[in-house]
Amino acid sequence: MTSIRFLQSQLEPNHPEFREGDEVVLAEGTYQGTVGIFLHLREDVNWADIAELNGSIRSHPVKWLALGPRP
């Protein structure tokens, strides 16, 4: 039963505030301050791909992300 709950927690998004195309910033972690565009959640929904301003696409823990400034 515990393994089923674990699998469900890995598949259910805990961060619905991020949408494809949102500007995000890494608010925590090694690359704190990095700005990018939110692309999508990974299979493990605790991770997301962002397109960084230098053209790199990297995965980061969603808990490290914050919405970037709005125009």
PDB file of N, CA and C in Angstrom:
ATOM      1  N   MET A   1       0.817  -1.196   0.000  1.00  0.00           N
ATOM      2  CA  MET A   1       0.000   0.000   0.000  1.00  0.00           C
ATOM      3  C   MET A   1       0.864   1.264   0.000  1.00  0.00           C
ATOM      4  N   THR A   2       1.947   1.262   0.755  1.00  0.00           N
ATOM      5  CA  THR A   2       2.829   2.421   0.809  1.00  0.00           C
ATOM      6  C   THR A   2       3.430   2.714  -0.557  1.00  0.00           C
ATOM      7  N   SER A   3       3.817   1.672  -1.292  1.00  0.00           N
ATOM      8  CA  SER A   3       4.423   1.894  -2.600  1.00  0.00           C
ATOM      9  C   SER A   3       3.419   2.517  -3.580  1.00  0.00           C
ATOM     10  N   ILE A   4       2.147   2.188  -3.456  1.00  0.00           N
ATOM     11  CA  ILE A   4       1.130   2.799  -4.320  1.00  0.00           C
ATOM     12  C   ILE A   4       1.020   4.286  -4.014  1.00  0.00           C
ATOM     13  N   ARG A   5       1.017   4.647  -2.746  1.00  0.00           N
ATOM     14  CA  ARG A   5       0.954   6.071  -2.385  1.00  0.00           C
ATOM     15  C   ARG A   5       2.180   6.817  -2.889  1.00  0.00           C
ATOM     16  N   PHE A   6       3.355   6.166  -2.786  1.00  0.00           N
ATOM     17  CA  PHE A   6       4.584   6.790  -3.270  1.00  0.00           C
ATOM     18  C   PHE A   6       4.483   7.043  -4.767  1.00  0.00           C
ATOM     19  N   LEU A   7       4.028   6.042  -5.521  1.00  0.00           N
ATOM     20  CA  LEU A   7       3.895   6.198  -6.968  1.00  0.00           C
ATOM     21  C   LEU A   7       2.898   7.293  -7.313  1.00  0.00           C
ATOM     22  N   GLN A   8       1.794   7.378  -6.595  1.00  0.00           N
ATOM     23  CA  GLN A   8       0.818   8.435  -6.851  1.00  0.00           C
ATOM     24  C   GLN A   8       1.431   9.799  -6.595  1.00  0.00           C
ATOM     25  N   SER A   9       2.226   9.924  -5.543  1.00  0.00           N
ATOM     26  CA  SER A   9       2.835  11.223  -5.242  1.00  0.00           C
ATOM     27  C   SER A   9       3.840  11.613  -6.313  1.00  0.00           C
ATOM     28  N   GLN A  10       4.437  10.637  -6.997  1.00  0.00           N
ATOM     29  CA  GLN A  10       5.388  10.932  -8.061  1.00  0.00           C
ATOM     30  C   GLN A  10       4.677  11.357  -9.345  1.00  0.00           C
ATOM     31  N   LEU A  11       3.407  11.000  -9.500  1.00  0.00           N
ATOM     32  CA  LEU A  11       2.683  11.282 -10.731  1.00  0.00           C
ATOM     33  C   LEU A  11       1.752  12.479 -10.633  1.00  0.00           C
ATOM     34  N   GLU A  12       1.402  12.886  -9.446  1.00  0.00           N
ATOM     35  CA  GLU A  12       0.475  14.003  -9.270  1.00  0.00           C
ATOM     36  C   GLU A  12       1.245  15.301  -9.122  1.00  0.00           C
ATOM     37  N   PRO A  13       0.960  16.291  -9.956  1.00  0.00           N
ATOM     38  CA  PRO A  13       1.683  17.560  -9.839  1.00  0.00           C
ATOM     39  C   PRO A  13       1.388  18.256  -8.512  1.00  0.00           C
ATOM     40  N   ASN A  14       2.449  18.692  -7.854  1.00  0.00           N
ATOM     41  CA  ASN A  14       2.321  19.437  -6.607  1.00  0.00           C
ATOM     42  C   ASN A  14       2.470  20.932  -6.858  1.00  0.00           C
ATOM     43  N   HIS A  15       2.690  21.329  -8.108  1.00  0.00           N
ATOM     44  CA  HIS A  15       3.028  22.709  -8.429  1.00  0.00           C
ATOM     45  C   HIS A  15       2.239  23.191  -9.645  1.00  0.00           C
ATOM     46  N   PRO A  16       0.920  23.275  -9.519  1.00  0.00           N
ATOM     47  CA  PRO A  16       0.104  23.655 -10.682  1.00  0.00           C
ATOM     48  C   PRO A  16       0.263  25.117 -11.090  1.00  0.00           C
ATOM     49  N   GLU A  17       1.009  25.910 -10.312  1.00  0.00           N
ATOM     50  CA  GLU A  17       1.126  27.331 -10.640  1.00  0.00           C
ATOM     51  C   GLU A  17       2.030  27.587 -11.844  1.00  0.00           C
ATOM     52  N   PHE A  18       2.827  26.612 -12.249  1.00  0.00           N
ATOM     53  CA  PHE A  18       3.715  26.793 -13.398  1.00  0.00           C
ATOM     54  C   PHE A  18       3.039  26.281 -14.661  1.00  0.00           C
ATOM     55  N   ARG A  19       3.086  27.120 -15.702  1.00  0.00           N
ATOM     56  CA  ARG A  19       2.517  26.742 -16.998  1.00  0.00           C
ATOM     57  C   ARG A  19       3.585  26.914 -18.070  1.00  0.00           C
ATOM     58  N   GLU A  20       3.459  26.133 -19.115  1.00  0.00           N
ATOM     59  CA  GLU A  20       4.399  26.225 -20.223  1.00  0.00           C
ATOM     60  C   GLU A  20       4.504  27.675 -20.700  1.00  0.00           C
ATOM     61  N   GLY A  21       5.727  28.155 -20.821  1.00  0.00           N
ATOM     62  CA  GLY A  21       5.968  29.519 -21.281  1.00  0.00           C
ATOM     63  C   GLY A  21       6.149  30.534 -20.169  1.00  0.00           C
ATOM     64  N   ASP A  22       5.870  30.166 -18.922  1.00  0.00           N
ATOM     65  CA  ASP A  22       6.068  31.085 -17.797  1.00  0.00           C
ATOM     66  C   ASP A  22       7.549  31.403 -17.614  1.00  0.00           C
ATOM     67  N   GLU A  23       7.853  32.652 -17.321  1.00  0.00           N
ATOM     68  CA  GLU A  23       9.213  33.014 -16.951  1.00  0.00           C
ATOM     69  C   GLU A  23       9.413  32.606 -15.497  1.00  0.00           C
ATOM     70  N   VAL A  24      10.496  31.881 -15.248  1.00  0.00           N
ATOM     71  CA  VAL A  24      10.795  31.412 -13.902  1.00  0.00           C
ATOM     72  C   VAL A  24      12.225  31.789 -13.534  1.00  0.00           C
ATOM     73  N   VAL A  25      12.487  31.745 -12.254  1.00  0.00           N
ATOM     74  CA  VAL A  25      13.826  31.996 -11.739  1.00  0.00           C
ATOM     75  C   VAL A  25      14.124  30.921 -10.699  1.00  0.00           C
ATOM     76  N   LEU A  26      15.355  30.481 -10.658  1.00  0.00           N
ATOM     77  CA  LEU A  26      15.756  29.535  -9.618  1.00  0.00           C
ATOM     78  C   LEU A  26      15.951  30.322  -8.330  1.00  0.00           C
ATOM     79  N   ALA A  27      15.060  30.108  -7.392  1.00  0.00           N
ATOM     80  CA  ALA A  27      15.081  30.842  -6.126  1.00  0.00           C
ATOM     81  C   ALA A  27      15.973  30.158  -5.092  1.00  0.00           C
ATOM     82  N   GLU A  28      16.334  28.897  -5.356  1.00  0.00           N
ATOM     83  CA  GLU A  28      17.179  28.137  -4.438  1.00  0.00           C
ATOM     84  C   GLU A  28      18.154  27.304  -5.255  1.00  0.00           C
ATOM     85  N   GLY A  29      19.102  26.703  -4.575  1.00  0.00           N
ATOM     86  CA  GLY A  29      20.001  25.756  -5.221  1.00  0.00           C
ATOM     87  C   GLY A  29      21.281  26.377  -5.737  1.00  0.00           C
ATOM     88  N   THR A  30      22.065  25.533  -6.366  1.00  0.00           N
ATOM     89  CA  THR A  30      23.395  25.912  -6.846  1.00  0.00           C
ATOM     90  C   THR A  30      23.362  27.038  -7.871  1.00  0.00           C
ATOM     91  N   TYR A  31      22.355  27.024  -8.731  1.00  0.00           N
ATOM     92  CA  TYR A  31      22.263  28.025  -9.802  1.00  0.00           C
ATOM     93  C   TYR A  31      21.248  29.110  -9.475  1.00  0.00           C
ATOM     94  N   GLN A  32      21.139  29.448  -8.194  1.00  0.00           N
ATOM     95  CA  GLN A  32      20.183  30.465  -7.736  1.00  0.00           C
ATOM     96  C   GLN A  32      20.346  31.736  -8.561  1.00  0.00           C
ATOM     97  N   GLY A  33      19.205  32.295  -8.990  1.00  0.00           N
ATOM     98  CA  GLY A  33      19.211  33.512  -9.791  1.00  0.00           C
ATOM     99  C   GLY A  33      19.110  33.261 -11.287  1.00  0.00           C
ATOM    100  N   THR A  34      19.262  32.003 -11.711  1.00  0.00           N
ATOM    101  CA  THR A  34      19.146  31.672 -13.132  1.00  0.00           C
ATOM    102  C   THR A  34      17.712  31.902 -13.595  1.00  0.00           C
ATOM    103  N   VAL A  35      17.576  32.615 -14.706  1.00  0.00           N
ATOM    104  CA  VAL A  35      16.263  32.914 -15.279  1.00  0.00           C
ATOM    105  C   VAL A  35      16.039  32.000 -16.472  1.00  0.00           C
ATOM    106  N   GLY A  36      14.808  31.588 -16.660  1.00  0.00           N
ATOM    107  CA  GLY A  36      14.487  30.747 -17.806  1.00  0.00           C
ATOM    108  C   GLY A  36      13.006  30.709 -18.074  1.00  0.00           C
ATOM    109  N   ILE A  37      12.630  29.877 -19.036  1.00  0.00           N
ATOM    110  CA  ILE A  37      11.231  29.688 -19.419  1.00  0.00           C
ATOM    111  C   ILE A  37      10.828  28.269 -19.043  1.00  0.00           C
ATOM    112  N   PHE A  38       9.726  28.162 -18.310  1.00  0.00           N
ATOM    113  CA  PHE A  38       9.223  26.855 -17.901  1.00  0.00           C
ATOM    114  C   PHE A  38       8.737  26.110 -19.130  1.00  0.00           C
ATOM    115  N   LEU A  39       9.256  24.879 -19.326  1.00  0.00           N
ATOM    116  CA  LEU A  39       8.841  24.071 -20.465  1.00  0.00           C
ATOM    117  C   LEU A  39       7.784  23.048 -20.068  1.00  0.00           C
ATOM    118  N   HIS A  40       8.120  22.188 -19.106  1.00  0.00           N
ATOM    119  CA  HIS A  40       7.185  21.153 -18.677  1.00  0.00           C
ATOM    120  C   HIS A  40       7.748  20.427 -17.469  1.00  0.00           C
ATOM    121  N   LEU A  41       6.841  19.711 -16.796  1.00  0.00           N
ATOM    122  CA  LEU A  41       7.259  18.841 -15.708  1.00  0.00           C
ATOM    123  C   LEU A  41       7.852  17.577 -16.312  1.00  0.00           C
ATOM    124  N   ARG A  42       8.759  16.960 -15.576  1.00  0.00           N
ATOM    125  CA  ARG A  42       9.345  15.681 -15.990  1.00  0.00           C
ATOM    126  C   ARG A  42       8.395  14.552 -15.586  1.00  0.00           C
ATOM    127  N   GLU A  43       8.764  13.318 -15.924  1.00  0.00           N
ATOM    128  CA  GLU A  43       7.961  12.170 -15.505  1.00  0.00           C
ATOM    129  C   GLU A  43       7.819  12.160 -13.988  1.00  0.00           C
ATOM    130  N   ASP A  44       8.921  12.457 -13.291  1.00  0.00           N
ATOM    131  CA  ASP A  44       8.870  12.702 -11.844  1.00  0.00           C
ATOM    132  C   ASP A  44       8.466  14.167 -11.702  1.00  0.00           C
ATOM    133  N   VAL A  45       7.235  14.411 -11.309  1.00  0.00           N
ATOM    134  CA  VAL A  45       6.685  15.770 -11.314  1.00  0.00           C
ATOM    135  C   VAL A  45       7.334  16.707 -10.303  1.00  0.00           C
ATOM    136  N   ASN A  46       8.288  16.230  -9.559  1.00  0.00           N
ATOM    137  CA  ASN A  46       9.046  17.101  -8.663  1.00  0.00           C
ATOM    138  C   ASN A  46      10.198  17.779  -9.397  1.00  0.00           C
ATOM    139  N   TRP A  47      10.365  17.469 -10.675  1.00  0.00           N
ATOM    140  CA  TRP A  47      11.415  18.048 -11.518  1.00  0.00           C
ATOM    141  C   TRP A  47      10.778  18.665 -12.753  1.00  0.00           C
ATOM    142  N   ALA A  48      11.412  19.739 -13.248  1.00  0.00           N
ATOM    143  CA  ALA A  48      10.901  20.417 -14.439  1.00  0.00           C
ATOM    144  C   ALA A  48      12.056  20.785 -15.356  1.00  0.00           C
ATOM    145  N   ASP A  49      11.761  20.856 -16.647  1.00  0.00           N
ATOM    146  CA  ASP A  49      12.721  21.361 -17.622  1.00  0.00           C
ATOM    147  C   ASP A  49      12.458  22.840 -17.828  1.00  0.00           C
ATOM    148  N   ILE A  50      13.539  23.610 -17.837  1.00  0.00           N
ATOM    149  CA  ILE A  50      13.424  25.027 -18.184  1.00  0.00           C
ATOM    150  C   ILE A  50      14.440  25.338 -19.280  1.00  0.00           C
ATOM    151  N   ALA A  51      14.073  26.259 -20.140  1.00  0.00           N
ATOM    152  CA  ALA A  51      14.985  26.761 -21.168  1.00  0.00           C
ATOM    153  C   ALA A  51      15.666  27.988 -20.568  1.00  0.00           C
ATOM    154  N   GLU A  52      16.960  27.879 -20.350  1.00  0.00           N
ATOM    155  CA  GLU A  52      17.702  28.994 -19.763  1.00  0.00           C
ATOM    156  C   GLU A  52      18.041  30.009 -20.840  1.00  0.00           C
ATOM    157  N   LEU A  53      18.350  31.218 -20.437  1.00  0.00           N
ATOM    158  CA  LEU A  53      18.581  32.299 -21.387  1.00  0.00           C
ATOM    159  C   LEU A  53      19.783  32.055 -22.288  1.00  0.00           C
ATOM    160  N   ASN A  54      20.711  31.198 -21.857  1.00  0.00           N
ATOM    161  CA  ASN A  54      21.887  30.887 -22.678  1.00  0.00           C
ATOM    162  C   ASN A  54      21.588  29.798 -23.707  1.00  0.00           C
ATOM    163  N   GLY A  55      20.326  29.355 -23.790  1.00  0.00           N
ATOM    164  CA  GLY A  55      19.931  28.346 -24.760  1.00  0.00           C
ATOM    165  C   GLY A  55      19.924  26.927 -24.231  1.00  0.00           C
ATOM    166  N   SER A  56      20.460  26.709 -23.038  1.00  0.00           N
ATOM    167  CA  SER A  56      20.476  25.370 -22.450  1.00  0.00           C
ATOM    168  C   SER A  56      19.100  24.984 -21.943  1.00  0.00           C
ATOM    169  N   ILE A  57      18.771  23.713 -22.073  1.00  0.00           N
ATOM    170  CA  ILE A  57      17.565  23.172 -21.460  1.00  0.00           C
ATOM    171  C   ILE A  57      18.031  22.257 -20.350  1.00  0.00           C
ATOM    172  N   ARG A  58      17.633  22.582 -19.123  1.00  0.00           N
ATOM    173  CA  ARG A  58      18.093  21.830 -17.959  1.00  0.00           C
ATOM    174  C   ARG A  58      16.927  21.480 -17.057  1.00  0.00           C
ATOM    175  N   SER A  59      17.132  20.423 -16.303  1.00  0.00           N
ATOM    176  CA  SER A  59      16.135  19.986 -15.315  1.00  0.00           C
ATOM    177  C   SER A  59      16.520  20.520 -13.950  1.00  0.00           C
ATOM    178  N   HIS A  60      15.521  20.984 -13.221  1.00  0.00           N
ATOM    179  CA  HIS A  60      15.730  21.504 -11.875  1.00  0.00           C
ATOM    180  C   HIS A  60      14.583  21.042 -10.987  1.00  0.00           C
ATOM    181  N   PRO A  61      14.828  20.907  -9.693  1.00  0.00           N
ATOM    182  CA  PRO A  61      13.723  20.581  -8.780  1.00  0.00           C
ATOM    183  C   PRO A  61      12.686  21.711  -8.808  1.00  0.00           C
ATOM    184  N   VAL A  62      11.434  21.348  -8.924  1.00  0.00           N
ATOM    185  CA  VAL A  62      10.367  22.343  -8.985  1.00  0.00           C
ATOM    186  C   VAL A  62      10.345  23.189  -7.720  1.00  0.00           C
ATOM    187  N   LYS A  63      10.685  22.595  -6.580  1.00  0.00           N
ATOM    188  CA  LYS A  63      10.646  23.365  -5.335  1.00  0.00           C
ATOM    189  C   LYS A  63      11.664  24.499  -5.328  1.00  0.00           C
ATOM    190  N   TRP A  64      12.614  24.488  -6.234  1.00  0.00           N
ATOM    191  CA  TRP A  64      13.591  25.574  -6.333  1.00  0.00           C
ATOM    192  C   TRP A  64      13.102  26.712  -7.228  1.00  0.00           C
ATOM    193  N   LEU A  65      12.023  26.503  -7.977  1.00  0.00           N
ATOM    194  CA  LEU A  65      11.560  27.492  -8.948  1.00  0.00           C
ATOM    195  C   LEU A  65      10.592  28.498  -8.311  1.00  0.00           C
ATOM    196  N   ALA A  66      10.644  29.704  -8.844  1.00  0.00           N
ATOM    197  CA  ALA A  66       9.671  30.743  -8.493  1.00  0.00           C
ATOM    198  C   ALA A  66       9.281  31.430  -9.798  1.00  0.00           C
ATOM    199  N   LEU A  67       8.061  31.939  -9.857  1.00  0.00           N
ATOM    200  CA  LEU A  67       7.654  32.698 -11.038  1.00  0.00           C
ATOM    201  C   LEU A  67       8.517  33.937 -11.165  1.00  0.00           C
ATOM    202  N   GLY A  68       8.912  34.230 -12.392  1.00  0.00           N
ATOM    203  CA  GLY A  68       9.717  35.409 -12.659  1.00  0.00           C
ATOM    204  C   GLY A  68       8.868  36.666 -12.673  1.00  0.00           C
ATOM    205  N   PRO A  69       9.508  37.800 -12.862  1.00  0.00           N
ATOM    206  CA  PRO A  69       8.768  39.065 -12.876  1.00  0.00           C
ATOM    207  C   PRO A  69       7.803  39.128 -14.047  1.00  0.00           C
ATOM    208  N   ARG A  70       6.665  39.704 -13.820  1.00  0.00           N
ATOM    209  CA  ARG A  70       5.653  39.901 -14.866  1.00  0.00           C
ATOM    210  C   ARG A  70       5.902  41.247 -15.545  1.00  0.00           C
ATOM    211  N   PRO A  71       5.663  41.317 -16.857  1.00  0.00           N
ATOM    212  CA  PRO A  71       5.847  42.614 -17.549  1.00  0.00           C
ATOM    213  C   PRO A  71       4.847  43.650 -17.104  1.00  0.00           C
TER     214      PRO A  71
END
